[in-house]
Amino acid sequence: MQPLAPSLTIAFADLVERAHEEAFNARFPAKGTFHKLRRGGKEYWYHVMRDSTAPSGRRTSYAGLVGDTDVDALVERHGHEHARHKLQKETASMLRRSGLPAPDPMEGKLTRAFQRAGLFQAGAVLVGSVAYQAYGGILGVKLSGELHRTQDIDLAHDREIALHVGHTGQKLEDFQDILKSVDESFTPRLNPSYPNAGPTRYENASNYKVDLLTAHKNSDRDRRVPVAIPIMPGTALQPLDLMEFLIRNPIRSALLYEDGVAVVVPDPVRYALHKVAISQMQGLSGEAGKDTKDRMQAAELVRAIGHAGRTSELAQAWSELWRHKAKRRNFVLRGILALPDDAIEIIARSAIRYGEEPFRDDELPTVTLRKLIPRKAGGTLRTLPRMPGDNGVGLNLS
């Protein structure tokens, strides 16, 4: 992990803005108009345009939350034509040449297809290792290119946003058709435990997988049953533990495929802490070697977060995970202890500075954490192997 030159960080931020503006304008044609609608105590932007094929003679599409500064700015600039595409393409090319990671062709084509189908505007969040490559430009560092390589894409969906989209009667393009526009061999894989539910996984002839995920809700009778949402007929979402923590308050970023693909990913602080926890949870990271990659991603992101000066956000997310996920606290403790000492120190110092439990100024973080692990927990702590060039104390980016 190396610091990015300030000019590259600025260029990446500019690319994110341009890519999202292009995707927004493509999704919401200039001949339509935006209106505010209040639901459940909040105001939302909806795009309305005439459409002779719609039963009411007009088509209404969800665009985002009023008060989201990014969405508000896009609405204000909507329809402004300017010569941005050439500059956007040149910026993406320059960032790739600088050494920032770029998706492989399958990742790039699939995320581009998701963008064009409006999935990210409708509440989808790109999670998993493909999202990891979207953080370097935001945090101002070059993250390890090998840590984002994968043979799958995980796409989580916020059910609350899906509900607001569904109020308009809007439905997204058939998900299998979206996948087949990239590779005709994609087919659904049903969950054998729930044969009557829609598919939550699709797989192509090369065993490349696309998984559809969501967070648990208190109203779910069985927290394992795949969940159907009206805007994605024919599919289902697999609820996973801690997913609500991961996808709360996601951010906009871009993948460096072609001229840049506008994506929505988890906040990097939440992504890192989520990886810390699931690296110790059987069943959530059961693929061979995946728990090791989870810890390596978490360690490198924690270092980058410290370098970027985002320790207050780290402390806030840590507090949420620690206080509100008590049933998963043992996994969190063991996950933190599996990190290199310098990453543990960054988390502990951030928590202490902002008065968050359980760390103390007068005690080493590892001592504090080991005292809190229940004796009956047993098991073997999965530790993190040293990365090339890692001397055990991490990189000094100050």
Protein backbone atom coordinates (compact mmCIF):
# COMPACT_ATOMS: atom_id res chain seq x y z
CA MET A 1 0.00 0.00 0.00
CA GLN A 2 1.45 3.35 -1.09
CA PRO A 3 0.11 6.91 -0.74
CA LEU A 4 -1.42 8.36 -3.89
CA ALA A 5 -0.22 11.69 -5.22
CA PRO A 6 -2.78 14.40 -4.30
CA SER A 7 -3.41 15.02 -8.01
CA LEU A 8 -4.50 11.38 -8.46
CA THR A 9 -6.84 11.55 -5.47
CA ILE A 10 -8.46 14.66 -6.96
CA ALA A 11 -8.67 12.98 -10.38
CA PHE A 12 -10.39 9.94 -8.89
CA ALA A 13 -12.93 12.11 -7.07
CA ASP A 14 -13.61 13.94 -10.35
CA LEU A 15 -14.09 10.63 -12.18
CA VAL A 16 -16.57 9.42 -9.55
CA GLU A 17 -18.59 12.63 -9.96
CA ARG A 18 -18.59 12.47 -13.76
CA ALA A 19 -19.40 8.75 -13.93
CA HIS A 20 -22.35 9.12 -11.57
CA GLU A 21 -23.65 12.19 -13.41
CA GLU A 22 -23.50 10.35 -16.72
CA ALA A 23 -25.29 7.33 -15.22
CA PHE A 24 -27.90 9.60 -13.61
CA ASN A 25 -28.67 11.48 -16.83
CA ALA A 26 -28.84 8.22 -18.79
CA ARG A 27 -31.32 6.81 -16.28
CA PHE A 28 -33.48 9.96 -16.09
CA PRO A 29 -33.95 11.59 -19.53
CA ALA A 30 -33.84 15.38 -19.76
CA LYS A 31 -37.42 15.58 -21.06
CA GLY A 32 -38.68 14.51 -17.63
CA THR A 33 -38.88 16.53 -14.42
CA PHE A 34 -38.10 15.87 -10.76
CA HIS A 35 -40.65 16.08 -7.96
CA LYS A 36 -40.47 15.63 -4.19
CA LEU A 37 -42.74 13.10 -2.48
CA ARG A 38 -43.01 12.56 1.27
CA ARG A 39 -43.27 9.02 2.62
CA GLY A 40 -42.80 7.83 6.19
CA GLY A 41 -41.56 11.18 7.43
CA LYS A 42 -38.90 11.55 4.72
CA GLU A 43 -38.87 13.28 1.33
CA TYR A 44 -37.73 11.48 -1.80
CA TRP A 45 -36.92 12.58 -5.34
CA TYR A 46 -38.97 11.04 -8.14
CA HIS A 47 -38.45 11.55 -11.86
CA VAL A 48 -41.68 11.90 -13.87
CA MET A 49 -41.98 11.84 -17.65
CA ARG A 50 -44.65 11.17 -20.23
CA ASP A 51 -44.80 7.59 -21.45
CA SER A 52 -47.59 6.44 -23.76
CA THR A 53 -46.88 2.80 -22.86
CA ALA A 54 -47.56 3.34 -19.15
CA PRO A 55 -51.17 2.82 -17.91
CA SER A 56 -51.32 6.35 -16.47
CA GLY A 57 -49.61 7.93 -19.46
CA ARG A 58 -46.55 8.82 -17.43
CA ARG A 59 -43.63 6.95 -15.89
CA THR A 60 -42.47 7.67 -12.34
CA SER A 61 -39.04 6.51 -11.17
CA TYR A 62 -37.37 6.72 -7.78
CA ALA A 63 -34.19 8.84 -7.84
CA GLY A 64 -33.03 9.20 -4.24
CA LEU A 65 -33.43 10.86 -0.86
CA VAL A 66 -34.01 14.61 -0.62
CA GLY A 67 -31.15 15.99 1.46
CA ASP A 68 -28.56 13.60 0.05
CA THR A 69 -26.12 16.24 -1.19
CA ASP A 70 -24.92 14.10 -4.09
CA VAL A 71 -28.45 13.39 -5.35
CA ASP A 72 -29.56 17.00 -4.80
CA ALA A 73 -26.62 18.21 -6.90
CA LEU A 74 -27.36 15.72 -9.68
CA VAL A 75 -31.00 16.85 -9.77
CA GLU A 76 -29.91 20.48 -9.98
CA ARG A 77 -27.49 19.79 -12.84
CA HIS A 78 -29.81 17.33 -14.58
CA GLY A 79 -29.90 17.65 -18.33
CA HIS A 80 -26.99 20.07 -18.58
CA GLU A 81 -25.10 19.09 -21.69
CA HIS A 82 -21.37 19.63 -21.64
CA ALA A 83 -18.27 18.01 -23.12
CA ARG A 84 -17.42 15.73 -20.23
CA HIS A 85 -17.22 12.28 -21.75
CA LYS A 86 -13.82 12.72 -23.39
CA LEU A 87 -12.29 14.08 -20.19
CA GLN A 88 -13.89 11.27 -18.20
CA LYS A 89 -12.34 8.66 -20.49
CA GLU A 90 -8.91 10.32 -20.29
CA THR A 91 -9.11 10.52 -16.50
CA ALA A 92 -9.96 6.81 -16.16
CA SER A 93 -7.07 5.89 -18.44
CA MET A 94 -4.63 8.06 -16.48
CA LEU A 95 -5.73 6.52 -13.17
CA ARG A 96 -5.20 2.99 -14.50
CA ARG A 97 -1.73 3.93 -15.71
CA SER A 98 -0.93 5.30 -12.24
CA GLY A 99 -1.32 1.81 -10.78
CA LEU A 100 -4.82 1.94 -9.31
CA PRO A 101 -6.54 -1.45 -9.69
CA ALA A 102 -8.97 -2.04 -12.53
CA PRO A 103 -11.64 -4.75 -12.79
CA ASP A 104 -11.17 -7.73 -15.03
CA PRO A 105 -13.41 -7.83 -18.13
CA MET A 106 -16.16 -9.90 -16.48
CA GLU A 107 -16.30 -7.61 -13.43
CA GLY A 108 -16.30 -4.53 -15.63
CA LYS A 109 -19.00 -5.75 -18.01
CA LEU A 110 -21.29 -6.95 -15.21
CA THR A 111 -21.03 -3.78 -13.13
CA ARG A 112 -21.57 -1.69 -16.27
CA ALA A 113 -24.71 -3.74 -17.00
CA PHE A 114 -25.93 -3.22 -13.41
CA GLN A 115 -25.32 0.52 -13.72
CA ARG A 116 -27.20 0.83 -17.01
CA ALA A 117 -30.12 -1.21 -15.67
CA GLY A 118 -30.51 1.26 -12.79
CA LEU A 119 -29.74 -1.23 -10.02
CA PHE A 120 -27.58 1.17 -8.02
CA GLN A 121 -30.18 3.95 -8.22
CA ALA A 122 -32.74 1.44 -6.93
CA GLY A 123 -30.80 0.61 -3.76
CA ALA A 124 -28.26 -2.02 -4.82
CA VAL A 125 -24.83 -1.95 -3.20
CA LEU A 126 -21.77 -3.70 -4.62
CA VAL A 127 -20.23 -5.69 -1.76
CA GLY A 128 -17.43 -8.24 -1.54
CA SER A 129 -13.98 -8.16 -3.08
CA VAL A 130 -15.02 -6.38 -6.29
CA ALA A 131 -16.00 -3.38 -4.14
CA TYR A 132 -12.56 -3.38 -2.46
CA GLN A 133 -10.88 -1.97 -5.57
CA ALA A 134 -13.12 1.13 -5.36
CA TYR A 135 -11.51 2.37 -2.11
CA GLY A 136 -7.93 3.27 -3.05
CA GLY A 137 -8.82 6.43 -4.92
CA ILE A 138 -11.17 7.54 -2.15
CA LEU A 139 -8.66 6.98 0.67
CA GLY A 140 -5.68 8.28 -1.28
CA VAL A 141 -3.61 5.07 -1.35
CA LYS A 142 -2.71 2.27 -3.74
CA LEU A 143 -4.22 -0.87 -2.25
CA SER A 144 -2.91 -4.32 -3.12
CA GLY A 145 -4.17 -5.32 -6.56
CA GLU A 146 -4.28 -9.00 -5.67
CA LEU A 147 -6.74 -8.59 -2.81
CA HIS A 148 -9.69 -7.73 -5.06
CA ARG A 149 -9.32 -10.70 -7.43
CA THR A 150 -12.30 -13.02 -7.18
CA GLN A 151 -14.59 -15.32 -9.12
CA ASP A 152 -17.84 -13.82 -7.97
CA ILE A 153 -19.79 -10.61 -7.53
CA ASP A 154 -21.97 -9.96 -4.49
CA LEU A 155 -24.80 -7.48 -4.90
CA ALA A 156 -26.75 -6.50 -1.78
CA HIS A 157 -30.05 -4.65 -1.84
CA ASP A 158 -31.51 -2.26 0.70
CA ARG A 159 -35.09 -3.45 1.14
CA GLU A 160 -36.30 -0.06 2.45
CA ILE A 161 -35.19 1.69 -0.74
CA ALA A 162 -36.65 -1.16 -2.81
CA LEU A 163 -39.97 -0.52 -1.07
CA HIS A 164 -39.92 3.17 -2.05
CA VAL A 165 -39.04 2.25 -5.63
CA GLY A 166 -41.87 -0.29 -5.65
CA HIS A 167 -44.41 2.38 -4.62
CA THR A 168 -44.05 3.86 -8.09
CA GLY A 169 -44.89 0.56 -9.76
CA GLN A 170 -41.38 0.59 -11.20
CA LYS A 171 -39.79 -2.77 -11.95
CA LEU A 172 -36.22 -3.38 -12.97
CA GLU A 173 -35.21 -5.32 -16.04
CA ASP A 174 -35.30 -9.09 -15.54
CA PHE A 175 -32.09 -9.87 -13.65
CA GLN A 176 -31.26 -12.93 -15.70
CA ASP A 177 -31.63 -10.84 -18.88
CA ILE A 178 -29.16 -8.33 -17.44
CA LEU A 179 -26.66 -11.13 -16.84
CA LYS A 180 -27.26 -12.71 -20.24
CA SER A 181 -26.51 -9.38 -21.92
CA VAL A 182 -22.96 -10.00 -20.68
CA ASP A 183 -22.74 -13.80 -20.94
CA GLU A 184 -25.49 -16.01 -22.34
CA SER A 185 -24.38 -18.94 -20.17
CA PHE A 186 -25.57 -17.39 -16.88
CA THR A 187 -28.26 -19.58 -15.31
CA PRO A 188 -30.05 -19.46 -11.93
CA ARG A 189 -29.07 -21.72 -9.04
CA LEU A 190 -31.87 -22.46 -6.59
CA ASN A 191 -31.21 -22.84 -2.88
CA PRO A 192 -31.91 -26.57 -2.22
CA SER A 193 -33.06 -25.75 1.32
CA TYR A 194 -35.76 -23.43 -0.07
CA PRO A 195 -36.79 -24.86 -3.46
CA ASN A 196 -39.93 -22.69 -3.65
CA ALA A 197 -37.99 -19.44 -3.34
CA GLY A 198 -36.53 -17.54 -6.27
CA PRO A 199 -32.85 -17.94 -7.12
CA THR A 200 -30.33 -15.96 -5.09
CA ARG A 201 -27.33 -17.09 -7.15
CA TYR A 202 -26.54 -17.13 -10.86
CA GLU A 203 -23.57 -18.90 -12.39
CA ASN A 204 -22.02 -19.04 -15.85
CA ALA A 205 -20.22 -21.83 -17.70
CA SER A 206 -16.89 -20.70 -16.22
CA ASN A 207 -18.27 -20.99 -12.65
CA TYR A 208 -18.37 -17.21 -12.23
CA LYS A 209 -21.04 -16.49 -9.62
CA VAL A 210 -23.35 -13.54 -8.95
CA ASP A 211 -25.01 -13.59 -5.53
CA LEU A 212 -27.99 -11.46 -4.49
CA LEU A 213 -27.97 -10.55 -0.79
CA THR A 214 -29.83 -8.45 1.75
CA ALA A 215 -29.92 -7.68 5.47
CA HIS A 216 -32.01 -9.41 8.10
CA LYS A 217 -35.10 -7.58 9.35
CA ASN A 218 -36.75 -8.02 12.74
CA SER A 219 -40.00 -8.94 10.97
CA ASP A 220 -38.39 -11.93 9.23
CA ARG A 221 -39.91 -15.10 10.69
CA ASP A 222 -37.07 -17.26 9.43
CA ARG A 223 -33.85 -15.28 9.04
CA ARG A 224 -32.50 -17.78 6.49
CA VAL A 225 -35.38 -17.76 3.99
CA PRO A 226 -34.60 -15.96 0.70
CA VAL A 227 -36.56 -12.72 0.37
CA ALA A 228 -38.46 -11.64 -2.76
CA ILE A 229 -38.77 -7.94 -3.61
CA PRO A 230 -41.36 -6.67 -6.13
CA ILE A 231 -38.94 -4.59 -8.18
CA MET A 232 -36.89 -7.69 -9.05
CA PRO A 233 -39.49 -10.31 -9.99
CA GLY A 234 -38.26 -13.86 -10.47
CA THR A 235 -35.30 -13.50 -8.12
CA ALA A 236 -34.75 -13.51 -4.36
CA LEU A 237 -32.23 -12.04 -1.93
CA GLN A 238 -30.34 -14.14 0.60
CA PRO A 239 -30.37 -12.50 4.08
CA LEU A 240 -26.96 -12.54 5.78
CA ASP A 241 -25.80 -11.71 9.26
CA LEU A 242 -24.27 -8.22 9.78
CA MET A 243 -25.33 -7.14 6.28
CA GLU A 244 -27.39 -4.27 7.71
CA PHE A 245 -24.21 -2.93 9.36
CA LEU A 246 -22.27 -3.24 6.11
CA ILE A 247 -24.67 -1.50 3.74
CA ARG A 248 -25.89 1.32 5.98
CA ASN A 249 -24.97 4.73 4.49
CA PRO A 250 -23.14 3.45 1.40
CA ILE A 251 -20.98 5.73 -0.73
CA ARG A 252 -20.53 6.47 -4.42
CA SER A 253 -17.36 5.38 -6.16
CA ALA A 254 -16.19 4.17 -9.58
CA LEU A 255 -14.49 1.13 -11.06
CA LEU A 256 -11.78 1.85 -13.61
CA TYR A 257 -13.35 -0.08 -16.49
CA GLU A 258 -13.37 1.75 -19.84
CA ASP A 259 -14.38 5.35 -19.04
CA GLY A 260 -15.36 4.51 -15.44
CA VAL A 261 -18.35 2.63 -14.05
CA ALA A 262 -20.45 4.45 -11.45
CA VAL A 263 -21.05 2.10 -8.51
CA VAL A 264 -22.36 2.25 -4.96
CA VAL A 265 -20.23 0.46 -2.34
CA PRO A 266 -20.17 0.19 1.46
CA ASP A 267 -18.38 2.87 3.42
CA PRO A 268 -14.73 1.68 3.66
CA VAL A 269 -14.81 1.87 7.47
CA ARG A 270 -17.83 -0.44 7.61
CA TYR A 271 -16.33 -2.72 4.97
CA ALA A 272 -13.14 -3.15 7.05
CA LEU A 273 -14.93 -3.87 10.33
CA HIS A 274 -17.39 -6.20 8.61
CA LYS A 275 -14.46 -8.18 7.19
CA VAL A 276 -12.95 -8.33 10.69
CA ALA A 277 -16.07 -10.00 12.07
CA ILE A 278 -16.94 -12.41 9.27
CA SER A 279 -13.34 -13.66 9.03
CA GLN A 280 -14.13 -15.55 12.25
CA MET A 281 -17.69 -16.63 11.42
CA GLN A 282 -18.17 -20.15 10.12
CA GLY A 283 -20.48 -20.28 7.11
CA LEU A 284 -20.08 -16.66 6.03
CA SER A 285 -16.55 -17.05 4.76
CA GLY A 286 -16.32 -20.77 4.29
CA GLU A 287 -14.60 -20.80 0.91
CA ALA A 288 -11.01 -22.01 1.02
CA GLY A 289 -8.69 -19.11 1.77
CA LYS A 290 -11.48 -16.56 1.95
CA ASP A 291 -11.14 -15.89 5.67
CA THR A 292 -7.45 -15.10 5.13
CA LYS A 293 -8.30 -12.66 2.33
CA ASP A 294 -10.98 -11.07 4.53
CA ARG A 295 -8.39 -10.34 7.23
CA MET A 296 -5.82 -9.07 4.73
CA GLN A 297 -8.37 -6.68 3.22
CA ALA A 298 -9.42 -5.51 6.68
CA ALA A 299 -5.83 -4.87 7.79
CA GLU A 300 -4.90 -2.93 4.67
CA LEU A 301 -8.08 -0.86 4.77
CA VAL A 302 -7.63 -0.01 8.47
CA ARG A 303 -4.13 1.28 7.66
CA ALA A 304 -5.51 3.31 4.75
CA ILE A 305 -8.30 4.72 6.94
CA GLY A 306 -5.69 5.81 9.49
CA HIS A 307 -3.62 7.40 6.71
CA ALA A 308 -6.69 9.25 5.39
CA GLY A 309 -7.44 10.70 8.84
CA ARG A 310 -10.85 9.04 9.10
CA THR A 311 -10.37 7.73 12.64
CA SER A 312 -13.49 9.50 13.95
CA GLU A 313 -15.59 7.53 11.46
CA LEU A 314 -13.73 4.37 12.43
CA ALA A 315 -14.54 5.00 16.11
CA GLN A 316 -18.20 5.68 15.35
CA ALA A 317 -18.62 2.49 13.29
CA TRP A 318 -16.69 0.50 15.89
CA SER A 319 -19.06 1.79 18.60
CA GLU A 320 -22.08 0.70 16.56
CA LEU A 321 -20.64 -2.77 15.98
CA TRP A 322 -19.57 -3.16 19.61
CA ARG A 323 -22.71 -1.81 21.30
CA HIS A 324 -25.47 -3.03 19.02
CA LYS A 325 -24.12 -6.41 17.88
CA ALA A 326 -23.52 -7.97 21.31
CA LYS A 327 -24.45 -11.44 20.05
CA ARG A 328 -21.58 -11.24 17.57
CA ARG A 329 -19.12 -9.65 19.96
CA ASN A 330 -17.00 -12.80 20.34
CA PHE A 331 -16.45 -12.93 16.56
CA VAL A 332 -15.52 -9.25 16.54
CA LEU A 333 -13.02 -9.73 19.39
CA ARG A 334 -11.37 -12.70 17.75
CA GLY A 335 -11.35 -10.96 14.37
CA ILE A 336 -9.57 -7.90 15.77
CA LEU A 337 -6.99 -10.09 17.53
CA ALA A 338 -6.26 -11.86 14.23
CA LEU A 339 -5.07 -8.57 12.68
CA PRO A 340 -1.45 -7.35 12.72
CA ASP A 341 -0.52 -5.28 15.77
CA ASP A 342 -0.43 -1.97 13.89
CA ALA A 343 -4.00 -2.40 12.60
CA ILE A 344 -5.21 -3.31 16.12
CA GLU A 345 -3.47 -0.19 17.44
CA ILE A 346 -5.21 2.07 14.89
CA ILE A 347 -8.65 0.73 15.87
CA ALA A 348 -7.90 0.92 19.61
CA ARG A 349 -6.42 4.44 19.49
CA SER A 350 -9.40 5.66 17.44
CA ALA A 351 -11.84 4.21 19.99
CA ILE A 352 -9.94 5.62 22.98
CA ARG A 353 -9.68 9.08 21.45
CA TYR A 354 -13.44 9.30 21.05
CA GLY A 355 -14.32 7.58 24.33
CA GLU A 356 -15.53 4.27 22.92
CA GLU A 357 -15.36 0.93 24.73
CA PRO A 358 -13.66 -1.39 25.57
CA PHE A 359 -10.09 -0.13 25.09
CA ARG A 360 -8.10 1.61 27.84
CA ASP A 361 -5.16 3.99 27.81
CA ASP A 362 -3.33 2.04 30.51
CA GLU A 363 -3.54 -1.40 28.87
CA LEU A 364 -2.36 -2.93 25.61
CA PRO A 365 -5.31 -3.46 23.21
CA THR A 366 -4.50 -7.17 22.82
CA VAL A 367 -4.60 -7.65 26.60
CA THR A 368 -7.97 -5.91 26.82
CA LEU A 369 -9.44 -7.98 24.02
CA ARG A 370 -8.18 -11.34 25.28
CA LYS A 371 -9.73 -10.70 28.71
CA LEU A 372 -13.11 -10.30 27.04
CA ILE A 373 -13.13 -13.54 25.04
CA PRO A 374 -15.30 -16.09 26.90
CA ARG A 375 -13.35 -19.15 28.04
CA LYS A 376 -16.00 -21.48 26.68
CA ALA A 377 -15.57 -20.02 23.19
CA GLY A 378 -12.60 -22.30 22.54
CA GLY A 379 -11.53 -22.87 18.97
CA THR A 380 -8.44 -21.74 17.17
CA LEU A 381 -7.85 -18.09 16.50
CA ARG A 382 -7.37 -17.58 12.77
CA THR A 383 -4.37 -15.34 12.48
CA LEU A 384 -3.20 -13.29 9.55
CA PRO A 385 -0.16 -14.47 7.60
CA ARG A 386 2.44 -11.82 6.85
CA MET A 387 2.03 -10.09 3.52
CA PRO A 388 5.08 -9.55 1.30
CA GLY A 389 7.05 -6.63 2.72
CA ASP A 390 5.02 -6.62 5.97
CA ASN A 391 7.34 -6.51 8.95
CA GLY A 392 4.49 -6.96 11.38
CA VAL A 393 4.12 -3.31 12.24
CA GLY A 394 2.54 -2.18 8.99
CA LEU A 395 3.45 0.67 6.71
CA ASN A 396 4.28 4.12 8.03
CA LEU A 397 2.30 6.49 5.83
CA SER A 398 2.61 9.55 8.00
